[in-house]
Amino acid sequence: MRRVYSSTFAVAALVLVANVATAQDTNRKVEGGGISVPGWTGKIDPSEESKGDKLENSKLAKMGNDLHVTTGPATTYWNPANKASGDYTVKATFTEPKYMNLNDHAHPYGIMIGGNDLGTGTQSFLYCTAYGNGTYILRGFSGSTPFQMGGRRATEDAAVHKAAGKDQPVTQEIAVSVKGDKVECAINGKTVASYPKSDIVGAGKLKSTDGVYGIRFAHNTEAMVAGLTVTKP
């Protein structure tokens, strides 16, 4: 009988831990949310919309010459005038002033490229984002369906900066390039991922690497974005 009680208590404890973790990771509603940067727009992830979340629950603002992003729901932001085609590199510097200040574990942010039909049910785009724990992901959306390059888990790389601890600053310089038949992501000057364009463009992935570029933030994250630019070889 003692074993039955122990098992029961163990299961109850696991359920409690799971419920606490879920509660801690619930999307925040950012005070004064919305977009106040002229010309910019955005869209939250389809999974967030299905839960009733709204774009206005995240915030994109200007702070000096930089963009200041605070999420809420996971959000992708762009200016429709910002387009790139052929061979190009889109880069920016992302600074998380206080690592994990809005969450209990690392969440990523970074560059979005290849945006087509953005804001619609048939949108497609690719993004490379870094975490302040020394990992990164390369992923995208085809319609409402996400796709992963390099697997579902984040990849660790020594080039990705690690914060010294919670509420400490961490900065990542992220660049996504289209070079001939390759698409690459570089973080802090090192190419961390490289794929043939044919692996990224096609059914269930990108419509094209030509398109709008912008920025991508996971939920419950705050960072500054400086020097968002596109260059041609």
Protein backbone atom coordinates (compact mmCIF):
# COMPACT_ATOMS: atom_id res chain seq x y z
CA MET A 1 0.00 0.00 0.00
CA ARG A 2 2.90 2.32 0.78
CA ARG A 3 4.12 1.93 -2.82
CA VAL A 4 0.71 2.93 -4.19
CA TYR A 5 0.72 6.11 -2.10
CA SER A 6 4.28 6.91 -3.23
CA SER A 7 3.35 6.46 -6.89
CA THR A 8 0.27 8.60 -6.44
CA PHE A 9 2.25 11.36 -4.81
CA ALA A 10 4.93 11.14 -7.52
CA VAL A 11 2.35 11.49 -10.31
CA ALA A 12 0.66 14.38 -8.52
CA ALA A 13 4.01 16.13 -8.14
CA LEU A 14 4.77 15.73 -11.85
CA VAL A 15 1.37 17.12 -12.80
CA LEU A 16 1.88 20.08 -10.47
CA VAL A 17 5.32 20.83 -11.94
CA ALA A 18 3.94 20.61 -15.48
CA ASN A 19 1.07 22.95 -14.63
CA VAL A 20 3.41 25.48 -13.00
CA ALA A 21 5.74 25.41 -16.04
CA THR A 22 2.79 25.94 -18.37
CA ALA A 23 1.48 28.83 -16.29
CA GLN A 24 4.91 30.50 -16.20
CA ASP A 25 5.20 30.31 -19.97
CA THR A 26 1.79 31.78 -20.76
CA ASN A 27 1.95 34.65 -23.23
CA ARG A 28 2.12 38.02 -21.55
CA LYS A 29 0.06 40.98 -22.68
CA VAL A 30 2.48 43.85 -23.23
CA GLU A 31 1.25 47.15 -21.82
CA GLY A 32 0.89 49.80 -24.53
CA GLY A 33 1.31 47.13 -27.18
CA GLY A 34 0.97 47.50 -30.92
CA ILE A 35 3.18 48.97 -33.64
CA SER A 36 4.29 52.61 -33.48
CA VAL A 37 7.06 52.50 -36.09
CA PRO A 38 5.88 54.13 -39.37
CA GLY A 39 5.64 51.74 -42.31
CA TRP A 40 6.01 48.58 -40.24
CA THR A 41 3.48 45.82 -39.67
CA GLY A 42 3.52 42.32 -38.23
CA LYS A 43 1.77 39.06 -37.58
CA ILE A 44 1.70 36.71 -34.63
CA ASP A 45 2.06 32.97 -35.16
CA PRO A 46 -1.03 31.04 -36.30
CA SER A 47 -0.85 28.90 -33.15
CA GLU A 48 -1.04 32.08 -31.07
CA GLU A 49 -4.01 33.38 -33.08
CA SER A 50 -5.84 30.11 -32.52
CA LYS A 51 -5.64 30.77 -28.78
CA GLY A 52 -7.23 34.19 -29.22
CA ASP A 53 -4.03 36.20 -28.89
CA LYS A 54 -3.59 39.46 -30.81
CA LEU A 55 -0.81 41.41 -32.53
CA GLU A 56 -1.55 44.28 -30.14
CA ASN A 57 -0.37 42.10 -27.25
CA SER A 58 3.21 42.50 -28.51
CA LYS A 59 4.98 45.81 -29.03
CA LEU A 60 7.25 47.31 -31.71
CA ALA A 61 8.53 50.82 -31.00
CA LYS A 62 11.38 53.10 -32.00
CA MET A 63 14.06 54.01 -29.47
CA GLY A 64 16.48 56.45 -31.05
CA ASN A 65 17.67 54.79 -34.24
CA ASP A 66 16.92 51.30 -32.92
CA LEU A 67 13.84 49.11 -32.87
CA HIS A 68 12.54 48.04 -29.46
CA VAL A 69 10.57 44.80 -29.44
CA THR A 70 8.65 43.33 -26.52
CA THR A 71 6.49 40.23 -26.98
CA GLY A 72 3.65 38.83 -25.87
CA PRO A 73 2.84 36.27 -28.48
CA ALA A 74 5.56 35.16 -30.91
CA THR A 75 5.63 37.84 -33.60
CA THR A 76 7.26 38.53 -36.96
CA TYR A 77 7.67 42.20 -37.95
CA TRP A 78 8.48 43.75 -41.32
CA ASN A 79 8.24 46.86 -43.48
CA PRO A 80 6.77 45.88 -46.90
CA ALA A 81 9.22 48.28 -48.56
CA ASN A 82 12.18 46.24 -47.29
CA LYS A 83 12.76 43.71 -50.07
CA ALA A 84 15.77 41.71 -51.21
CA SER A 85 16.36 39.55 -54.28
CA GLY A 86 19.14 37.60 -55.95
CA ASP A 87 22.26 37.37 -53.80
CA TYR A 88 22.11 39.47 -50.62
CA THR A 89 22.81 39.59 -46.89
CA VAL A 90 20.39 40.89 -44.26
CA LYS A 91 21.95 41.63 -40.90
CA ALA A 92 21.26 43.33 -37.58
CA THR A 93 22.52 43.42 -34.01
CA PHE A 94 20.17 42.17 -31.31
CA THR A 95 20.68 43.15 -27.68
CA GLU A 96 18.70 41.56 -24.89
CA PRO A 97 19.22 44.12 -22.08
CA LYS A 98 18.05 41.74 -19.37
CA TYR A 99 18.29 38.09 -20.38
CA MET A 100 15.12 36.13 -19.54
CA ASN A 101 13.47 39.14 -17.87
CA LEU A 102 10.07 38.12 -19.28
CA ASN A 103 10.41 34.34 -19.10
CA ASP A 104 11.88 31.46 -17.12
CA HIS A 105 14.01 30.05 -19.95
CA ALA A 106 15.80 31.29 -23.07
CA HIS A 107 13.71 32.51 -26.01
CA PRO A 108 15.14 33.48 -29.44
CA TYR A 109 15.11 36.48 -31.78
CA GLY A 110 16.69 37.21 -35.15
CA ILE A 111 16.43 37.85 -38.89
CA MET A 112 13.57 36.93 -41.25
CA ILE A 113 14.03 36.70 -45.05
CA GLY A 114 12.14 35.45 -48.10
CA GLY A 115 8.82 36.86 -46.96
CA ASN A 116 6.05 36.28 -49.49
CA ASP A 117 2.29 36.79 -48.99
CA LEU A 118 3.10 37.94 -45.46
CA GLY A 119 0.16 38.33 -43.13
CA THR A 120 -1.98 35.91 -45.13
CA GLY A 121 -2.83 32.24 -44.84
CA THR A 122 -0.36 31.41 -47.63
CA GLN A 123 2.62 33.32 -46.27
CA SER A 124 6.13 31.89 -46.38
CA PHE A 125 9.35 33.06 -44.75
CA LEU A 126 12.60 31.80 -43.23
CA TYR A 127 14.25 32.97 -40.03
CA CYS A 128 17.49 32.45 -38.15
CA THR A 129 17.27 33.30 -34.46
CA ALA A 130 19.66 33.09 -31.51
CA TYR A 131 19.13 32.32 -27.85
CA GLY A 132 21.08 33.93 -25.03
CA ASN A 133 22.07 30.46 -23.83
CA GLY A 134 24.45 29.81 -26.74
CA THR A 135 22.07 28.09 -29.20
CA TYR A 136 20.26 28.98 -32.42
CA ILE A 137 17.52 27.73 -34.76
CA LEU A 138 16.87 28.03 -38.50
CA ARG A 139 13.17 27.64 -39.23
CA GLY A 140 10.34 28.99 -41.31
CA PHE A 141 6.65 29.00 -42.11
CA SER A 142 4.78 27.77 -45.14
CA GLY A 143 1.23 29.00 -44.67
CA SER A 144 0.33 28.15 -41.09
CA THR A 145 2.71 25.19 -41.01
CA PRO A 146 6.19 25.63 -39.50
CA PHE A 147 9.23 23.83 -40.89
CA GLN A 148 12.61 23.18 -39.28
CA MET A 149 16.08 23.09 -40.79
CA GLY A 150 18.53 21.06 -38.73
CA GLY A 151 15.95 19.37 -36.54
CA ARG A 152 13.44 20.41 -33.92
CA ARG A 153 15.91 21.20 -31.17
CA ALA A 154 18.06 24.31 -30.96
CA THR A 155 21.69 23.80 -31.99
CA GLU A 156 24.54 24.80 -29.72
CA ASP A 157 27.46 26.72 -31.23
CA ALA A 158 30.38 28.46 -29.54
CA ALA A 159 29.81 31.52 -31.76
CA VAL A 160 26.48 32.27 -30.10
CA HIS A 161 26.98 34.49 -27.08
CA LYS A 162 25.80 33.36 -23.66
CA ALA A 163 24.42 35.73 -21.06
CA ALA A 164 26.29 35.75 -17.77
CA GLY A 165 23.02 35.06 -16.01
CA LYS A 166 19.37 36.07 -15.69
CA ASP A 167 18.80 39.82 -16.15
CA GLN A 168 22.30 40.23 -17.60
CA PRO A 169 22.81 41.74 -21.09
CA VAL A 170 23.66 39.63 -24.13
CA THR A 171 24.20 40.71 -27.74
CA GLN A 172 24.09 38.74 -31.00
CA GLU A 173 25.02 39.93 -34.48
CA ILE A 174 22.91 37.87 -36.89
CA ALA A 175 23.14 37.75 -40.68
CA VAL A 176 21.24 35.65 -43.20
CA SER A 177 22.66 35.43 -46.72
CA VAL A 178 21.62 34.11 -50.09
CA LYS A 179 24.76 33.26 -52.09
CA GLY A 180 24.24 31.53 -55.39
CA ASP A 181 22.63 28.20 -54.61
CA LYS A 182 23.17 28.46 -50.84
CA VAL A 183 21.35 30.04 -47.90
CA GLU A 184 23.48 30.70 -44.83
CA CYS A 185 23.10 32.06 -41.32
CA ALA A 186 26.04 33.68 -39.55
CA ILE A 187 26.06 34.62 -35.87
CA ASN A 188 28.73 36.88 -34.47
CA GLY A 189 30.81 36.50 -37.61
CA LYS A 190 30.69 32.70 -37.95
CA THR A 191 28.53 30.76 -40.41
CA VAL A 192 26.57 28.40 -38.19
CA ALA A 193 24.21 26.97 -40.82
CA SER A 194 24.41 26.52 -44.59
CA TYR A 195 21.91 24.77 -46.87
CA PRO A 196 21.42 24.37 -50.61
CA LYS A 197 18.66 26.68 -51.76
CA SER A 198 16.83 23.61 -53.07
CA ASP A 199 16.47 22.36 -49.47
CA ILE A 200 14.73 25.57 -48.43
CA VAL A 201 12.62 26.51 -51.45
CA GLY A 202 9.77 24.25 -52.52
CA ALA A 203 6.55 22.64 -51.40
CA GLY A 204 5.99 23.10 -47.69
CA LYS A 205 8.85 25.60 -47.42
CA LEU A 206 9.71 28.94 -49.06
CA LYS A 207 8.09 30.16 -52.24
CA SER A 208 11.33 32.00 -53.00
CA THR A 209 14.36 33.48 -51.28
CA ASP A 210 13.38 36.75 -53.00
CA GLY A 211 10.99 38.73 -50.84
CA VAL A 212 10.52 40.93 -47.81
CA TYR A 213 12.95 40.84 -44.90
CA GLY A 214 12.36 41.72 -41.27
CA ILE A 215 12.77 40.48 -37.71
CA ARG A 216 11.42 37.57 -35.73
CA PHE A 217 10.83 37.23 -31.97
CA ALA A 218 9.61 34.31 -29.88
CA HIS A 219 7.05 34.98 -27.18
CA ASN A 220 7.75 36.72 -23.87
CA THR A 221 11.00 38.30 -25.06
CA GLU A 222 12.46 41.82 -25.08
CA ALA A 223 15.39 43.10 -27.15
CA MET A 224 16.74 46.06 -29.10
CA VAL A 225 17.48 45.76 -32.83
CA ALA A 226 20.18 47.98 -34.33
CA GLY A 227 21.47 48.35 -37.89
CA LEU A 228 18.92 46.28 -39.78
CA THR A 229 20.31 46.49 -43.31
CA VAL A 230 20.55 44.58 -46.57
CA THR A 231 23.74 44.51 -48.66
CA LYS A 232 24.49 43.13 -52.10
CA PRO A 233 27.78 41.45 -53.04
